[in-house]
Amino acid sequence: MIVVMKIGATKDDMDGVCKRAEELGFTPHIIYGKERNVVGLVGVMGNREEALMLENYSGVDKVVKISKPYKLASREVKQDSSVVDVCGVRFGGRDIVVIAGPCSVESEKQIVMVAEQVKAAGAKMLRGGAFKPRTSPYAFQGLGEEGLKLLAKAREVTGLPIVTEVVNPVDVDLVYKYTDMFQVGARNIQNFALLTFLGQAKKPVLLKRGMSTTIDEFLMATEYILSEGNRDVVLCERGIRTFETSTRNTLDISCVPVVKAKSHLPIVVDPSHAAGHWGYVSSLSKAAIAAGADGLLVEVHPEPEKAMSDGAQSLNPNQFITLMGELRAVAIAVGRYM
């Protein structure tokens, strides 16, 4: 349920609603809008019949039942599109945000070099994996905390905020010390213990769609983060598993407009994992921007042929420079900026 406040409702008005909501067994979440604010009421044990009486409280316009199972992520709760700020980089506004970097952090030379190269080309954030969940237990699993330290070094050199994946709930506090934004990979989309910890961590989260996850399940996963009080969630479409084998995954480009219709949260696209081959990354990137994506997550490696993971889908720096030029033209055509 949501309590829609009147235009001009005071803080005391909202505090009164929140206090009564807690007495009725709900957890209240204040959601700020451009013209008016709403208070989302979340809780299995909340007294919904009594909550309807909140319409009589000072500053309250109306109480509305939410039909979607994903309450806080729904546009029924917040009609304005949310903007998530990561150290000054804003997802969900007019700007297209490009995050770039290698699949895995391999060495200080490698991560600092690629950070300098992608920044020069126009990337706004640096990506790189320190913990790498792999299909094979014998594949490179990442450098762990040493990789996090190297990412922090690259941030120090270039000023680029960093996003890196956290795999295990026990590592949340460790990764928190180094990263500017948590990434949840496709394999952990329904790791609800991890999502709950990230909701409590109060740091932005990039949540990737699972390879067999429906859009409604994708949005339900965000509820685990939002319901714990963390509103800074950016969604990421990275391809789903279908019968097609020509690409690593099948990029569900329709996910972008569907999510934007259903949710107020920003969404970016990872064309690298969708394609599995660098030759398709440019086309998928341009399609994503044309479809309305708020940004891209692109894998770039100084020497893809020597990469310890996912070299086949990584662009080299010159290819990335070319891509960024092409993307600017598409962004302008759809009324966005880079």
Protein backbone atom coordinates (compact mmCIF):
# COMPACT_ATOMS: atom_id res chain seq x y z
CA MET A 1 0.00 0.00 0.00
CA ILE A 2 1.08 3.60 -0.44
CA VAL A 3 -0.01 6.73 1.34
CA VAL A 4 -0.04 9.61 -1.14
CA MET A 5 0.70 12.89 0.62
CA LYS A 6 -0.84 16.18 -0.40
CA ILE A 7 1.26 18.78 -2.19
CA GLY A 8 2.79 20.86 0.57
CA ALA A 9 2.51 18.18 3.26
CA THR A 10 5.00 18.81 6.04
CA LYS A 11 7.66 16.61 7.58
CA ASP A 12 5.53 16.38 10.70
CA ASP A 13 2.66 15.08 8.54
CA MET A 14 4.86 12.32 7.10
CA ASP A 15 6.33 11.51 10.51
CA GLY A 16 2.81 11.06 11.85
CA VAL A 17 1.93 8.67 9.04
CA CYS A 18 5.14 6.70 9.54
CA LYS A 19 4.60 6.39 13.27
CA ARG A 20 1.06 5.08 12.83
CA ALA A 21 2.19 2.72 10.05
CA GLU A 22 4.76 1.16 12.38
CA GLU A 23 2.08 0.71 15.04
CA LEU A 24 0.02 -1.17 12.46
CA GLY A 25 2.89 -3.56 11.69
CA PHE A 26 4.29 -1.94 8.56
CA THR A 27 7.76 -0.75 7.66
CA PRO A 28 7.28 2.73 6.15
CA HIS A 29 9.43 3.95 3.26
CA ILE A 30 9.30 7.62 2.29
CA ILE A 31 9.61 8.07 -1.48
CA TYR A 32 10.24 11.62 -2.61
CA GLY A 33 8.72 12.91 -5.87
CA LYS A 34 8.96 16.14 -7.82
CA GLU A 35 5.57 17.45 -6.74
CA ARG A 36 4.47 15.24 -3.87
CA ASN A 37 5.82 12.48 -1.67
CA VAL A 38 4.40 9.07 -0.86
CA VAL A 39 4.93 6.68 2.02
CA GLY A 40 5.20 3.04 1.01
CA LEU A 41 3.87 0.56 3.59
CA VAL A 42 5.63 -2.80 3.43
CA GLY A 43 5.08 -5.78 5.68
CA VAL A 44 3.37 -9.16 5.60
CA MET A 45 1.85 -8.71 9.05
CA GLY A 46 0.61 -5.13 8.54
CA ASN A 47 -3.06 -4.37 9.23
CA ARG A 48 -4.26 -3.26 5.81
CA GLU A 49 -7.82 -2.45 6.84
CA GLU A 50 -6.65 -0.09 9.57
CA ALA A 51 -4.11 1.43 7.20
CA LEU A 52 -6.94 2.69 5.01
CA MET A 53 -7.85 5.01 7.88
CA LEU A 54 -4.61 6.92 7.30
CA GLU A 55 -6.59 8.93 4.73
CA ASN A 56 -7.91 10.88 7.72
CA TYR A 57 -4.43 11.97 8.82
CA SER A 58 -3.12 15.50 8.32
CA GLY A 59 -1.39 15.99 4.97
CA VAL A 60 -2.68 12.75 3.45
CA ASP A 61 -4.38 12.82 0.06
CA LYS A 62 -5.28 9.14 -0.33
CA VAL A 63 -4.27 5.56 0.44
CA VAL A 64 -3.77 3.29 -2.58
CA LYS A 65 -3.39 -0.47 -2.74
CA ILE A 66 -0.49 -1.56 -4.97
CA SER A 67 -1.34 -4.38 -7.37
CA LYS A 68 2.24 -5.29 -8.33
CA PRO A 69 4.12 -7.85 -6.20
CA TYR A 70 7.21 -5.63 -6.45
CA LYS A 71 5.98 -2.72 -4.34
CA LEU A 72 8.86 -0.27 -3.95
CA ALA A 73 10.26 -0.81 -7.46
CA SER A 74 6.91 -0.19 -9.15
CA ARG A 75 5.86 2.96 -11.00
CA GLU A 76 2.63 2.70 -9.03
CA VAL A 77 4.67 3.84 -6.03
CA LYS A 78 6.82 6.40 -7.84
CA GLN A 79 5.85 7.74 -11.26
CA ASP A 80 9.00 9.87 -11.66
CA SER A 81 12.08 8.02 -12.89
CA SER A 82 14.68 7.59 -10.17
CA VAL A 83 18.22 8.87 -10.53
CA VAL A 84 20.97 6.92 -8.76
CA ASP A 85 24.11 8.90 -7.92
CA VAL A 86 27.43 7.07 -7.63
CA CYS A 87 30.11 9.54 -6.58
CA GLY A 88 28.69 12.17 -8.94
CA VAL A 89 27.93 9.76 -11.80
CA ARG A 90 24.15 9.84 -12.32
CA PHE A 91 22.16 6.92 -13.72
CA GLY A 92 18.64 7.64 -14.96
CA GLY A 93 18.92 11.23 -16.12
CA ARG A 94 19.57 12.58 -19.62
CA ASP A 95 23.17 11.33 -19.65
CA ILE A 96 24.23 7.90 -20.92
CA VAL A 97 26.71 6.37 -18.47
CA VAL A 98 29.33 4.01 -19.88
CA ILE A 99 31.11 1.71 -17.42
CA ALA A 100 34.15 0.00 -18.89
CA GLY A 101 37.04 -2.17 -17.86
CA PRO A 102 38.29 -5.77 -17.88
CA CYS A 103 36.36 -8.82 -16.80
CA SER A 104 39.01 -9.57 -14.18
CA VAL A 105 41.65 -7.53 -12.40
CA GLU A 106 44.92 -9.24 -13.28
CA SER A 107 47.69 -6.85 -12.20
CA GLU A 108 48.28 -3.23 -11.20
CA LYS A 109 49.74 -2.43 -14.62
CA GLN A 110 46.75 -3.93 -16.42
CA ILE A 111 43.99 -2.26 -14.39
CA VAL A 112 45.63 1.16 -14.20
CA MET A 113 46.40 1.11 -17.93
CA VAL A 114 42.88 0.20 -18.95
CA ALA A 115 41.40 2.70 -16.48
CA GLU A 116 43.41 5.51 -18.08
CA GLN A 117 42.42 4.35 -21.56
CA VAL A 118 38.68 4.06 -20.96
CA LYS A 119 38.59 7.39 -19.12
CA ALA A 120 40.29 9.10 -22.05
CA ALA A 121 37.64 7.62 -24.36
CA GLY A 122 34.78 8.94 -22.22
CA ALA A 123 33.86 6.18 -19.75
CA LYS A 124 32.48 7.48 -16.45
CA MET A 125 33.13 4.43 -14.26
CA LEU A 126 35.60 1.55 -14.09
CA ARG A 127 34.56 -2.10 -13.82
CA GLY A 128 36.72 -5.06 -12.89
CA GLY A 129 36.23 -8.36 -11.09
CA ALA A 130 38.15 -9.25 -7.94
CA PHE A 131 35.88 -12.18 -7.10
CA LYS A 132 34.91 -14.16 -10.20
CA PRO A 133 32.20 -16.85 -10.00
CA ARG A 134 33.06 -19.15 -12.90
CA THR A 135 31.28 -22.09 -14.49
CA SER A 136 34.38 -24.23 -14.02
CA PRO A 137 35.99 -24.55 -10.55
CA TYR A 138 39.35 -24.73 -12.34
CA ALA A 139 39.01 -21.36 -14.08
CA PHE A 140 40.59 -18.15 -12.77
CA GLN A 141 38.56 -17.04 -9.74
CA GLY A 142 40.01 -13.56 -9.29
CA LEU A 143 42.59 -11.99 -6.97
CA GLY A 144 40.25 -11.38 -4.05
CA GLU A 145 41.18 -8.53 -1.73
CA GLU A 146 44.37 -7.88 -3.67
CA GLY A 147 42.21 -7.21 -6.73
CA LEU A 148 40.09 -4.78 -4.70
CA LYS A 149 43.22 -2.91 -3.67
CA LEU A 150 44.31 -2.66 -7.29
CA LEU A 151 40.91 -1.28 -8.27
CA ALA A 152 41.25 1.32 -5.55
CA LYS A 153 44.69 2.20 -6.93
CA ALA A 154 43.22 2.69 -10.41
CA ARG A 155 40.54 4.95 -8.92
CA GLU A 156 43.23 6.96 -7.16
CA VAL A 157 45.14 7.42 -10.42
CA THR A 158 42.17 8.25 -12.68
CA GLY A 159 39.38 9.49 -10.40
CA LEU A 160 36.94 6.98 -11.92
CA PRO A 161 34.45 5.47 -9.44
CA ILE A 162 34.57 1.67 -9.42
CA VAL A 163 31.99 -1.11 -9.54
CA THR A 164 32.92 -4.68 -8.70
CA GLU A 165 31.06 -7.89 -7.99
CA VAL A 166 30.40 -9.30 -4.55
CA VAL A 167 29.66 -13.02 -4.61
CA ASN A 168 29.36 -14.16 -1.01
CA PRO A 169 27.38 -12.47 1.80
CA VAL A 170 30.40 -12.84 4.08
CA ASP A 171 32.43 -10.62 1.71
CA VAL A 172 30.01 -7.65 1.73
CA ASP A 173 31.89 -5.77 4.46
CA LEU A 174 35.24 -6.38 2.74
CA VAL A 175 34.06 -5.21 -0.67
CA TYR A 176 32.28 -2.25 0.95
CA LYS A 177 35.66 -0.87 2.07
CA TYR A 178 36.89 -0.56 -1.51
CA THR A 179 34.06 -0.22 -4.01
CA ASP A 180 31.80 2.70 -4.90
CA MET A 181 29.07 0.40 -6.22
CA PHE A 182 28.35 -3.26 -5.60
CA GLN A 183 27.64 -5.54 -8.56
CA VAL A 184 25.41 -8.59 -8.19
CA GLY A 185 26.05 -11.07 -10.98
CA ALA A 186 23.50 -13.10 -12.91
CA ARG A 187 24.19 -16.21 -10.84
CA ASN A 188 23.25 -14.39 -7.63
CA ILE A 189 20.03 -12.68 -8.74
CA GLN A 190 18.06 -14.84 -6.27
CA ASN A 191 20.69 -15.10 -3.56
CA PHE A 192 18.29 -13.44 -1.14
CA ALA A 193 20.70 -13.47 1.78
CA LEU A 194 23.21 -11.49 -0.30
CA LEU A 195 20.53 -9.07 -1.54
CA THR A 196 19.34 -8.46 2.01
CA PHE A 197 22.87 -7.64 3.17
CA LEU A 198 23.29 -5.22 0.27
CA GLY A 199 20.01 -3.55 1.19
CA GLN A 200 21.47 -2.88 4.61
CA ALA A 201 24.88 -1.79 3.28
CA LYS A 202 23.62 1.60 2.04
CA LYS A 203 25.84 1.72 -1.03
CA PRO A 204 24.59 1.69 -4.67
CA VAL A 205 23.97 -1.71 -6.24
CA LEU A 206 24.17 -2.79 -9.90
CA LEU A 207 21.82 -5.78 -10.13
CA LYS A 208 22.23 -8.07 -13.15
CA ARG A 209 19.33 -10.08 -14.52
CA GLY A 210 19.69 -13.85 -14.28
CA MET A 211 20.06 -15.89 -17.42
CA SER A 212 16.66 -17.55 -16.84
CA THR A 213 14.95 -14.80 -14.86
CA THR A 214 11.68 -13.24 -15.98
CA ILE A 215 11.34 -9.47 -15.79
CA ASP A 216 8.89 -9.73 -12.90
CA GLU A 217 11.35 -11.99 -11.03
CA PHE A 218 14.08 -9.47 -11.83
CA LEU A 219 12.05 -6.68 -10.25
CA MET A 220 11.10 -8.86 -7.29
CA ALA A 221 14.81 -9.35 -6.58
CA THR A 222 15.19 -5.58 -6.30
CA GLU A 223 12.55 -5.58 -3.56
CA TYR A 224 14.94 -7.45 -1.26
CA ILE A 225 17.36 -4.53 -1.55
CA LEU A 226 14.79 -1.72 -1.54
CA SER A 227 12.82 -3.14 1.39
CA GLU A 228 15.94 -2.97 3.56
CA GLY A 229 16.18 0.77 2.93
CA ASN A 230 18.68 0.97 0.07
CA ARG A 231 17.01 2.92 -2.76
CA ASP A 232 20.11 3.16 -4.98
CA VAL A 233 19.62 0.24 -7.34
CA VAL A 234 20.53 0.18 -11.03
CA LEU A 235 19.25 -2.77 -13.06
CA CYS A 236 21.32 -4.46 -15.76
CA GLU A 237 20.10 -6.57 -18.69
CA ARG A 238 22.94 -8.91 -19.75
CA GLY A 239 21.25 -11.46 -21.97
CA ILE A 240 19.14 -14.51 -21.22
CA ARG A 241 19.49 -18.18 -22.07
CA THR A 242 17.54 -19.29 -25.15
CA PHE A 243 17.86 -22.05 -27.75
CA GLU A 244 20.20 -19.85 -29.83
CA THR A 245 23.90 -20.75 -29.73
CA SER A 246 25.35 -18.16 -32.12
CA THR A 247 25.90 -15.80 -29.20
CA ARG A 248 26.81 -16.46 -25.57
CA ASN A 249 23.34 -15.29 -24.48
CA THR A 250 20.40 -13.63 -26.21
CA LEU A 251 20.18 -9.92 -25.45
CA ASP A 252 16.58 -9.22 -24.47
CA ILE A 253 16.45 -5.66 -25.79
CA SER A 254 12.74 -5.51 -24.96
CA CYS A 255 13.69 -5.71 -21.29
CA VAL A 256 14.69 -2.05 -21.42
CA PRO A 257 11.34 -0.49 -22.39
CA VAL A 258 9.39 -3.07 -20.36
CA VAL A 259 11.36 -2.30 -17.20
CA LYS A 260 10.97 1.41 -17.79
CA ALA A 261 7.21 0.97 -18.09
CA LYS A 262 6.96 -1.17 -14.96
CA SER A 263 9.59 0.45 -12.72
CA HIS A 264 11.07 3.83 -11.87
CA LEU A 265 14.58 2.37 -11.51
CA PRO A 266 17.31 3.06 -14.10
CA ILE A 267 18.48 0.22 -16.32
CA VAL A 268 21.75 -0.35 -18.19
CA VAL A 269 22.78 -3.06 -20.66
CA ASP A 270 25.82 -5.34 -20.70
CA PRO A 271 26.37 -6.13 -24.41
CA SER A 272 29.63 -7.98 -23.74
CA HIS A 273 28.11 -10.87 -21.79
CA ALA A 274 25.12 -10.97 -24.11
CA ALA A 275 27.30 -11.30 -27.20
CA GLY A 276 30.20 -13.39 -25.99
CA HIS A 277 32.15 -12.07 -28.98
CA TRP A 278 33.65 -8.62 -29.35
CA GLY A 279 32.44 -8.31 -32.96
CA TYR A 280 28.81 -7.99 -31.86
CA VAL A 281 29.32 -5.59 -28.96
CA SER A 282 29.09 -2.40 -31.03
CA SER A 283 25.75 -3.28 -32.65
CA LEU A 284 24.18 -4.39 -29.38
CA SER A 285 25.45 -1.27 -27.62
CA LYS A 286 23.88 1.04 -30.17
CA ALA A 287 20.61 -0.91 -30.06
CA ALA A 288 20.54 -0.60 -26.26
CA ILE A 289 20.93 3.18 -26.34
CA ALA A 290 18.28 3.48 -29.05
CA ALA A 291 15.91 1.38 -26.92
CA GLY A 292 16.28 3.76 -23.97
CA ALA A 293 18.99 2.23 -21.79
CA ASP A 294 20.53 4.57 -19.24
CA GLY A 295 24.00 3.22 -19.77
CA LEU A 296 26.28 0.38 -20.82
CA LEU A 297 28.67 -2.04 -19.12
CA VAL A 298 31.43 -2.83 -21.63
CA GLU A 299 34.42 -5.12 -21.20
CA VAL A 300 37.71 -3.59 -22.34
CA HIS A 301 41.15 -5.20 -22.01
CA PRO A 302 44.54 -3.86 -23.16
CA GLU A 303 45.30 -7.23 -24.78
CA PRO A 304 42.11 -9.31 -25.07
CA GLU A 305 43.97 -12.25 -26.58
CA LYS A 306 45.92 -12.56 -23.30
CA ALA A 307 43.01 -11.96 -20.92
CA MET A 308 42.62 -14.44 -18.06
CA SER A 309 38.84 -14.40 -18.49
CA ASP A 310 36.34 -13.42 -21.21
CA GLY A 311 38.93 -12.18 -23.67
CA ALA A 312 36.77 -13.20 -26.63
CA GLN A 313 34.09 -10.65 -25.72
CA SER A 314 36.43 -7.81 -24.72
CA LEU A 315 37.19 -4.80 -26.88
CA ASN A 316 40.71 -3.48 -27.12
CA PRO A 317 41.20 0.24 -26.34
CA ASN A 318 41.12 1.36 -29.98
CA GLN A 319 37.88 -0.52 -30.60
CA PHE A 320 36.40 1.10 -27.50
CA ILE A 321 37.35 4.57 -28.72
CA THR A 322 35.58 3.86 -32.02
CA LEU A 323 32.50 2.55 -30.19
CA MET A 324 32.25 5.66 -28.00
CA GLY A 325 32.22 7.88 -31.07
CA GLU A 326 29.42 5.85 -32.65
CA LEU A 327 27.41 5.86 -29.42
CA ARG A 328 27.49 9.65 -29.16
CA ALA A 329 25.71 9.90 -32.50
CA VAL A 330 23.00 7.47 -31.36
CA ALA A 331 22.59 9.26 -28.04
CA ILE A 332 22.04 12.59 -29.79
CA ALA A 333 19.49 11.00 -32.12
CA VAL A 334 17.36 9.83 -29.15
CA GLY A 335 17.76 13.05 -27.16
CA ARG A 336 20.39 11.84 -24.69
CA TYR A 337 23.92 12.98 -23.88
CA MET A 338 27.30 11.31 -23.32
